[in-house]
PDB file of N, CA and C in Angstrom:
ATOM      1  N   UNK A   1       0.829  -1.190   0.000  1.00  0.00           N
ATOM      2  CA  UNK A   1       0.000   0.000   0.000  1.00  0.00           C
ATOM      3  C   UNK A   1       0.881   1.265   0.000  1.00  0.00           C
ATOM      4  N   UNK A   2       1.903   1.251   0.821  1.00  0.00           N
ATOM      5  CA  UNK A   2       2.765   2.424   0.925  1.00  0.00           C
ATOM      6  C   UNK A   2       3.399   2.772  -0.419  1.00  0.00           C
ATOM      7  N   UNK A   3       3.826   1.759  -1.173  1.00  0.00           N
ATOM      8  CA  UNK A   3       4.451   2.005  -2.472  1.00  0.00           C
ATOM      9  C   UNK A   3       3.473   2.651  -3.453  1.00  0.00           C
ATOM     10  N   UNK A   4       2.227   2.261  -3.394  1.00  0.00           N
ATOM     11  CA  UNK A   4       1.212   2.859  -4.247  1.00  0.00           C
ATOM     12  C   UNK A   4       1.013   4.334  -3.895  1.00  0.00           C
ATOM     13  N   UNK A   5       1.018   4.642  -2.601  1.00  0.00           N
ATOM     14  CA  UNK A   5       0.860   6.029  -2.176  1.00  0.00           C
ATOM     15  C   UNK A   5       2.071   6.879  -2.578  1.00  0.00           C
ATOM     16  N   UNK A   6       3.243   6.272  -2.619  1.00  0.00           N
ATOM     17  CA  UNK A   6       4.433   6.987  -3.091  1.00  0.00           C
ATOM     18  C   UNK A   6       4.189   7.455  -4.519  1.00  0.00           C
ATOM     19  N   UNK A   7       3.695   6.556  -5.340  1.00  0.00           N
ATOM     20  CA  UNK A   7       3.428   6.896  -6.742  1.00  0.00           C
ATOM     21  C   UNK A   7       2.375   8.000  -6.840  1.00  0.00           C
ATOM     22  N   UNK A   8       1.263   7.857  -6.104  1.00  0.00           N
ATOM     23  CA  UNK A   8       0.191   8.846  -6.157  1.00  0.00           C
ATOM     24  C   UNK A   8       0.587  10.188  -5.533  1.00  0.00           C
ATOM     25  N   UNK A   9       1.547  10.191  -4.647  1.00  0.00           N
ATOM     26  CA  UNK A   9       1.964  11.456  -4.021  1.00  0.00           C
ATOM     27  C   UNK A   9       2.620  12.406  -5.023  1.00  0.00           C
ATOM     28  N   UNK A  10       2.940  11.903  -6.212  1.00  0.00           N
ATOM     29  CA  UNK A  10       3.536  12.717  -7.268  1.00  0.00           C
ATOM     30  C   UNK A  10       2.536  13.035  -8.380  1.00  0.00           C
ATOM     31  N   UNK A  11       1.284  12.716  -8.175  1.00  0.00           N
ATOM     32  CA  UNK A  11       0.242  12.886  -9.199  1.00  0.00           C
ATOM     33  C   UNK A  11       0.045  14.363  -9.531  1.00  0.00           C
ATOM     34  N   UNK A  12      -0.363  14.656 -10.765  1.00  0.00           N
ATOM     35  CA  UNK A  12      -0.572  16.051 -11.172  1.00  0.00           C
ATOM     36  C   UNK A  12      -1.820  16.668 -10.534  1.00  0.00           C
ATOM     37  N   UNK A  13      -2.776  15.835 -10.150  1.00  0.00           N
ATOM     38  CA  UNK A  13      -4.003  16.331  -9.521  1.00  0.00           C
ATOM     39  C   UNK A  13      -3.758  16.551  -8.027  1.00  0.00           C
ATOM     40  N   UNK A  14      -3.982  17.761  -7.563  1.00  0.00           N
ATOM     41  CA  UNK A  14      -3.689  18.086  -6.164  1.00  0.00           C
ATOM     42  C   UNK A  14      -4.525  17.283  -5.181  1.00  0.00           C
ATOM     43  N   UNK A  15      -5.741  16.934  -5.539  1.00  0.00           N
ATOM     44  CA  UNK A  15      -6.579  16.139  -4.633  1.00  0.00           C
ATOM     45  C   UNK A  15      -6.010  14.742  -4.446  1.00  0.00           C
ATOM     46  N   UNK A  16      -5.562  14.136  -5.509  1.00  0.00           N
ATOM     47  CA  UNK A  16      -4.966  12.807  -5.424  1.00  0.00           C
ATOM     48  C   UNK A  16      -3.652  12.878  -4.658  1.00  0.00           C
ATOM     49  N   UNK A  17      -2.827  13.893  -4.957  1.00  0.00           N
ATOM     50  CA  UNK A  17      -1.560  14.078  -4.233  1.00  0.00           C
ATOM     51  C   UNK A  17      -1.807  14.222  -2.743  1.00  0.00           C
ATOM     52  N   UNK A  18      -2.742  15.073  -2.397  1.00  0.00           N
ATOM     53  CA  UNK A  18      -3.017  15.343  -0.980  1.00  0.00           C
ATOM     54  C   UNK A  18      -3.506  14.123  -0.231  1.00  0.00           C
ATOM     55  N   UNK A  19      -4.425  13.378  -0.827  1.00  0.00           N
ATOM     56  CA  UNK A  19      -4.953  12.184  -0.171  1.00  0.00           C
ATOM     57  C   UNK A  19      -3.857  11.124  -0.037  1.00  0.00           C
ATOM     58  N   UNK A  20      -3.014  10.993  -1.054  1.00  0.00           N
ATOM     59  CA  UNK A  20      -1.912  10.024  -0.983  1.00  0.00           C
ATOM     60  C   UNK A  20      -0.978  10.359   0.178  1.00  0.00           C
ATOM     61  N   UNK A  21      -0.650  11.623   0.324  1.00  0.00           N
ATOM     62  CA  UNK A  21       0.230  12.050   1.419  1.00  0.00           C
ATOM     63  C   UNK A  21      -0.449  11.794   2.765  1.00  0.00           C
ATOM     64  N   UNK A  22      -1.721  12.103   2.858  1.00  0.00           N
ATOM     65  CA  UNK A  22      -2.462  11.854   4.099  1.00  0.00           C
ATOM     66  C   UNK A  22      -2.457  10.369   4.451  1.00  0.00           C
ATOM     67  N   UNK A  23      -2.505   9.513   3.435  1.00  0.00           N
ATOM     68  CA  UNK A  23      -2.503   8.069   3.674  1.00  0.00           C
ATOM     69  C   UNK A  23      -1.241   7.599   4.375  1.00  0.00           C
ATOM     70  N   UNK A  24      -0.114   8.291   4.185  1.00  0.00           N
ATOM     71  CA  UNK A  24       1.089   7.910   4.921  1.00  0.00           C
ATOM     72  C   UNK A  24       0.831   7.996   6.425  1.00  0.00           C
ATOM     73  N   UNK A  25       0.121   9.015   6.841  1.00  0.00           N
ATOM     74  CA  UNK A  25      -0.236   9.150   8.252  1.00  0.00           C
ATOM     75  C   UNK A  25      -1.195   8.064   8.700  1.00  0.00           C
ATOM     76  N   UNK A  26      -2.132   7.700   7.830  1.00  0.00           N
ATOM     77  CA  UNK A  26      -3.081   6.644   8.175  1.00  0.00           C
ATOM     78  C   UNK A  26      -2.376   5.296   8.288  1.00  0.00           C
ATOM     79  N   UNK A  27      -1.418   5.054   7.412  1.00  0.00           N
ATOM     80  CA  UNK A  27      -0.629   3.822   7.498  1.00  0.00           C
ATOM     81  C   UNK A  27       0.103   3.777   8.842  1.00  0.00           C
ATOM     82  N   UNK A  28       0.639   4.904   9.250  1.00  0.00           N
ATOM     83  CA  UNK A  28       1.324   4.979  10.548  1.00  0.00           C
ATOM     84  C   UNK A  28       0.361   4.685  11.698  1.00  0.00           C
ATOM     85  N   UNK A  29      -0.841   5.227  11.639  1.00  0.00           N
ATOM     86  CA  UNK A  29      -1.833   4.988  12.686  1.00  0.00           C
ATOM     87  C   UNK A  29      -2.219   3.518  12.781  1.00  0.00           C
ATOM     88  N   UNK A  30      -2.444   2.916  11.622  1.00  0.00           N
ATOM     89  CA  UNK A  30      -2.936   1.537  11.586  1.00  0.00           C
ATOM     90  C   UNK A  30      -1.832   0.533  11.911  1.00  0.00           C
ATOM     91  N   UNK A  31      -0.662   0.722  11.321  1.00  0.00           N
ATOM     92  CA  UNK A  31       0.399  -0.274  11.418  1.00  0.00           C
ATOM     93  C   UNK A  31       1.534   0.104  12.372  1.00  0.00           C
ATOM     94  N   UNK A  32       1.589   1.365  12.761  1.00  0.00           N
ATOM     95  CA  UNK A  32       2.636   1.812  13.680  1.00  0.00           C
ATOM     96  C   UNK A  32       4.008   1.907  13.050  1.00  0.00           C
ATOM     97  N   UNK A  33       4.058   1.826  11.724  1.00  0.00           N
ATOM     98  CA  UNK A  33       5.349   1.883  11.042  1.00  0.00           C
ATOM     99  C   UNK A  33       5.155   2.362   9.600  1.00  0.00           C
ATOM    100  N   UNK A  34       6.090   3.150   9.134  1.00  0.00           N
ATOM    101  CA  UNK A  34       6.229   3.523   7.734  1.00  0.00           C
ATOM    102  C   UNK A  34       7.721   3.520   7.414  1.00  0.00           C
ATOM    103  N   UNK A  35       8.041   3.464   6.159  1.00  0.00           N
ATOM    104  CA  UNK A  35       9.434   3.572   5.738  1.00  0.00           C
ATOM    105  C   UNK A  35       9.804   5.052   5.770  1.00  0.00           C
ATOM    106  N   UNK A  36      10.328   5.501   6.897  1.00  0.00           N
ATOM    107  CA  UNK A  36      10.603   6.928   7.078  1.00  0.00           C
ATOM    108  C   UNK A  36      11.605   7.470   6.069  1.00  0.00           C
ATOM    109  N   UNK A  37      12.589   6.672   5.696  1.00  0.00           N
ATOM    110  CA  UNK A  37      13.585   7.131   4.725  1.00  0.00           C
ATOM    111  C   UNK A  37      12.944   7.451   3.379  1.00  0.00           C
ATOM    112  N   UNK A  38      11.879   6.760   3.051  1.00  0.00           N
ATOM    113  CA  UNK A  38      11.167   6.980   1.806  1.00  0.00           C
ATOM    114  C   UNK A  38      10.095   8.057   1.939  1.00  0.00           C
ATOM    115  N   UNK A  39       9.339   7.989   3.024  1.00  0.00           N
ATOM    116  CA  UNK A  39       8.136   8.804   3.178  1.00  0.00           C
ATOM    117  C   UNK A  39       8.416  10.228   3.647  1.00  0.00           C
ATOM    118  N   UNK A  40       9.314  10.410   4.589  1.00  0.00           N
ATOM    119  CA  UNK A  40       9.556  11.749   5.143  1.00  0.00           C
ATOM    120  C   UNK A  40       9.994  12.749   4.067  1.00  0.00           C
ATOM    121  N   UNK A  41      10.907  12.404   3.153  1.00  0.00           N
ATOM    122  CA  UNK A  41      11.241  13.365   2.093  1.00  0.00           C
ATOM    123  C   UNK A  41      10.036  13.738   1.217  1.00  0.00           C
ATOM    124  N   UNK A  42       9.151  12.771   0.970  1.00  0.00           N
ATOM    125  CA  UNK A  42       7.952  13.068   0.182  1.00  0.00           C
ATOM    126  C   UNK A  42       7.018  14.007   0.936  1.00  0.00           C
ATOM    127  N   UNK A  43       6.891  13.787   2.231  1.00  0.00           N
ATOM    128  CA  UNK A  43       6.050  14.668   3.038  1.00  0.00           C
ATOM    129  C   UNK A  43       6.669  16.059   3.111  1.00  0.00           C
ATOM    130  N   UNK A  44       7.981  16.129   3.266  1.00  0.00           N
ATOM    131  CA  UNK A  44       8.640  17.443   3.278  1.00  0.00           C
ATOM    132  C   UNK A  44       8.428  18.185   1.965  1.00  0.00           C
ATOM    133  N   UNK A  45       8.476  17.466   0.846  1.00  0.00           N
ATOM    134  CA  UNK A  45       8.169  18.085  -0.444  1.00  0.00           C
ATOM    135  C   UNK A  45       6.730  18.578  -0.474  1.00  0.00           C
ATOM    136  N   UNK A  46       5.826  17.758   0.058  1.00  0.00           N
ATOM    137  CA  UNK A  46       4.408  18.129   0.071  1.00  0.00           C
ATOM    138  C   UNK A  46       4.153  19.348   0.959  1.00  0.00           C
ATOM    139  N   UNK A  47       4.959  19.525   1.990  1.00  0.00           N
ATOM    140  CA  UNK A  47       4.820  20.725   2.839  1.00  0.00           C
ATOM    141  C   UNK A  47       5.143  22.000   2.068  1.00  0.00           C
ATOM    142  N   UNK A  48       5.837  21.855   0.946  1.00  0.00           N
ATOM    143  CA  UNK A  48       6.183  22.997   0.091  1.00  0.00           C
ATOM    144  C   UNK A  48       5.319  23.064  -1.175  1.00  0.00           C
ATOM    145  N   UNK A  49       4.331  22.201  -1.274  1.00  0.00           N
ATOM    146  CA  UNK A  49       3.481  22.125  -2.463  1.00  0.00           C
ATOM    147  C   UNK A  49       2.739  23.438  -2.669  1.00  0.00           C
ATOM    148  N   UNK A  50       2.435  23.735  -3.914  1.00  0.00           N
ATOM    149  CA  UNK A  50       1.695  24.957  -4.232  1.00  0.00           C
ATOM    150  C   UNK A  50       0.253  24.905  -3.720  1.00  0.00           C
ATOM    151  N   UNK A  51      -0.242  23.700  -3.481  1.00  0.00           N
ATOM    152  CA  UNK A  51      -1.626  23.515  -3.048  1.00  0.00           C
ATOM    153  C   UNK A  51      -1.738  23.529  -1.525  1.00  0.00           C
ATOM    154  N   UNK A  52      -2.614  24.354  -1.027  1.00  0.00           N
ATOM    155  CA  UNK A  52      -2.883  24.400   0.413  1.00  0.00           C
ATOM    156  C   UNK A  52      -3.462  23.070   0.891  1.00  0.00           C
ATOM    157  N   UNK A  53      -4.258  22.440   0.052  1.00  0.00           N
ATOM    158  CA  UNK A  53      -4.848  21.135   0.363  1.00  0.00           C
ATOM    159  C   UNK A  53      -3.749  20.108   0.633  1.00  0.00           C
ATOM    160  N   UNK A  54      -2.772  20.040  -0.250  1.00  0.00           N
ATOM    161  CA  UNK A  54      -1.664  19.093  -0.107  1.00  0.00           C
ATOM    162  C   UNK A  54      -0.839  19.430   1.129  1.00  0.00           C
ATOM    163  N   UNK A  55      -0.532  20.708   1.320  1.00  0.00           N
ATOM    164  CA  UNK A  55       0.266  21.118   2.484  1.00  0.00           C
ATOM    165  C   UNK A  55      -0.423  20.752   3.785  1.00  0.00           C
ATOM    166  N   UNK A  56      -1.719  20.939   3.857  1.00  0.00           N
ATOM    167  CA  UNK A  56      -2.469  20.603   5.063  1.00  0.00           C
ATOM    168  C   UNK A  56      -2.422  19.119   5.380  1.00  0.00           C
ATOM    169  N   UNK A  57      -2.583  18.307   4.352  1.00  0.00           N
ATOM    170  CA  UNK A  57      -2.523  16.855   4.567  1.00  0.00           C
ATOM    171  C   UNK A  57      -1.105  16.403   4.902  1.00  0.00           C
ATOM    172  N   UNK A  58      -0.122  17.074   4.352  1.00  0.00           N
ATOM    173  CA  UNK A  58       1.273  16.733   4.683  1.00  0.00           C
ATOM    174  C   UNK A  58       1.538  16.998   6.158  1.00  0.00           C
ATOM    175  N   UNK A  59       1.051  18.111   6.656  1.00  0.00           N
ATOM    176  CA  UNK A  59       1.220  18.441   8.067  1.00  0.00           C
ATOM    177  C   UNK A  59       0.544  17.375   8.951  1.00  0.00           C
ATOM    178  N   UNK A  60      -0.676  16.975   8.583  1.00  0.00           N
ATOM    179  CA  UNK A  60      -1.393  15.948   9.353  1.00  0.00           C
ATOM    180  C   UNK A  60      -0.652  14.614   9.322  1.00  0.00           C
ATOM    181  N   UNK A  61      -0.141  14.240   8.153  1.00  0.00           N
ATOM    182  CA  UNK A  61       0.592  12.980   8.029  1.00  0.00           C
ATOM    183  C   UNK A  61       1.843  12.993   8.896  1.00  0.00           C
ATOM    184  N   UNK A  62       2.555  14.099   8.885  1.00  0.00           N
ATOM    185  CA  UNK A  62       3.769  14.209   9.690  1.00  0.00           C
ATOM    186  C   UNK A  62       3.459  14.091  11.179  1.00  0.00           C
ATOM    187  N   UNK A  63       2.367  14.712  11.612  1.00  0.00           N
ATOM    188  CA  UNK A  63       1.950  14.579  13.014  1.00  0.00           C
ATOM    189  C   UNK A  63       1.653  13.128  13.372  1.00  0.00           C
ATOM    190  N   UNK A  64       0.922  12.432  12.492  1.00  0.00           N
ATOM    191  CA  UNK A  64       0.581  11.031  12.756  1.00  0.00           C
ATOM    192  C   UNK A  64       1.823  10.151  12.812  1.00  0.00           C
ATOM    193  N   UNK A  65       2.728  10.358  11.888  1.00  0.00           N
ATOM    194  CA  UNK A  65       3.961   9.562  11.887  1.00  0.00           C
ATOM    195  C   UNK A  65       4.757   9.810  13.150  1.00  0.00           C
ATOM    196  N   UNK A  66       4.843  11.054  13.553  1.00  0.00           N
ATOM    197  CA  UNK A  66       5.563  11.401  14.779  1.00  0.00           C
ATOM    198  C   UNK A  66       4.915  10.755  16.004  1.00  0.00           C
ATOM    199  N   UNK A  67       3.582  10.716  16.018  1.00  0.00           N
ATOM    200  CA  UNK A  67       2.873  10.189  17.167  1.00  0.00           C
ATOM    201  C   UNK A  67       2.847   8.654  17.205  1.00  0.00           C
ATOM    202  N   UNK A  68       2.680   8.020  16.073  1.00  0.00           N
ATOM    203  CA  UNK A  68       2.422   6.575  16.050  1.00  0.00           C
ATOM    204  C   UNK A  68       3.613   5.710  15.674  1.00  0.00           C
ATOM    205  N   UNK A  69       4.661   6.292  15.134  1.00  0.00           N
ATOM    206  CA  UNK A  69       5.854   5.520  14.754  1.00  0.00           C
ATOM    207  C   UNK A  69       6.984   5.875  15.691  1.00  0.00           C
ATOM    208  N   UNK A  70       7.386   4.943  16.499  1.00  0.00           N
ATOM    209  CA  UNK A  70       8.459   5.194  17.472  1.00  0.00           C
ATOM    210  C   UNK A  70       9.794   4.918  16.871  1.00  0.00           C
TER     211      UNK A  70
END
Protein backbone atom coordinates (compact mmCIF):
# COMPACT_ATOMS: atom_id res chain seq x y z
CA UNK A 1 0.00 0.00 0.00
CA UNK A 2 2.77 2.42 0.92
CA UNK A 3 4.45 2.01 -2.47
CA UNK A 4 1.21 2.86 -4.25
CA UNK A 5 0.86 6.03 -2.18
CA UNK A 6 4.43 6.99 -3.09
CA UNK A 7 3.43 6.90 -6.74
CA UNK A 8 0.19 8.85 -6.16
CA UNK A 9 1.96 11.46 -4.02
CA UNK A 10 3.54 12.72 -7.27
CA UNK A 11 0.24 12.89 -9.20
CA UNK A 12 -0.57 16.05 -11.17
CA UNK A 13 -4.00 16.33 -9.52
CA UNK A 14 -3.69 18.09 -6.16
CA UNK A 15 -6.58 16.14 -4.63
CA UNK A 16 -4.97 12.81 -5.42
CA UNK A 17 -1.56 14.08 -4.23
CA UNK A 18 -3.02 15.34 -0.98
CA UNK A 19 -4.95 12.18 -0.17
CA UNK A 20 -1.91 10.02 -0.98
CA UNK A 21 0.23 12.05 1.42
CA UNK A 22 -2.46 11.85 4.10
CA UNK A 23 -2.50 8.07 3.67
CA UNK A 24 1.09 7.91 4.92
CA UNK A 25 -0.24 9.15 8.25
CA UNK A 26 -3.08 6.64 8.18
CA UNK A 27 -0.63 3.82 7.50
CA UNK A 28 1.32 4.98 10.55
CA UNK A 29 -1.83 4.99 12.69
CA UNK A 30 -2.94 1.54 11.59
CA UNK A 31 0.40 -0.27 11.42
CA UNK A 32 2.64 1.81 13.68
CA UNK A 33 5.35 1.88 11.04
CA UNK A 34 6.23 3.52 7.73
CA UNK A 35 9.43 3.57 5.74
CA UNK A 36 10.60 6.93 7.08
CA UNK A 37 13.58 7.13 4.72
CA UNK A 38 11.17 6.98 1.81
CA UNK A 39 8.14 8.80 3.18
CA UNK A 40 9.56 11.75 5.14
CA UNK A 41 11.24 13.37 2.09
CA UNK A 42 7.95 13.07 0.18
CA UNK A 43 6.05 14.67 3.04
CA UNK A 44 8.64 17.44 3.28
CA UNK A 45 8.17 18.09 -0.44
CA UNK A 46 4.41 18.13 0.07
CA UNK A 47 4.82 20.73 2.84
CA UNK A 48 6.18 23.00 0.09
CA UNK A 49 3.48 22.12 -2.46
CA UNK A 50 1.70 24.96 -4.23
CA UNK A 51 -1.63 23.51 -3.05
CA UNK A 52 -2.88 24.40 0.41
CA UNK A 53 -4.85 21.14 0.36
CA UNK A 54 -1.66 19.09 -0.11
CA UNK A 55 0.27 21.12 2.48
CA UNK A 56 -2.47 20.60 5.06
CA UNK A 57 -2.52 16.85 4.57
CA UNK A 58 1.27 16.73 4.68
CA UNK A 59 1.22 18.44 8.07
CA UNK A 60 -1.39 15.95 9.35
CA UNK A 61 0.59 12.98 8.03
CA UNK A 62 3.77 14.21 9.69
CA UNK A 63 1.95 14.58 13.01
CA UNK A 64 0.58 11.03 12.76
CA UNK A 65 3.96 9.56 11.89
CA UNK A 66 5.56 11.40 14.78
CA UNK A 67 2.87 10.19 17.17
CA UNK A 68 2.42 6.58 16.05
CA UNK A 69 5.85 5.52 14.75
CA UNK A 70 8.46 5.19 17.47
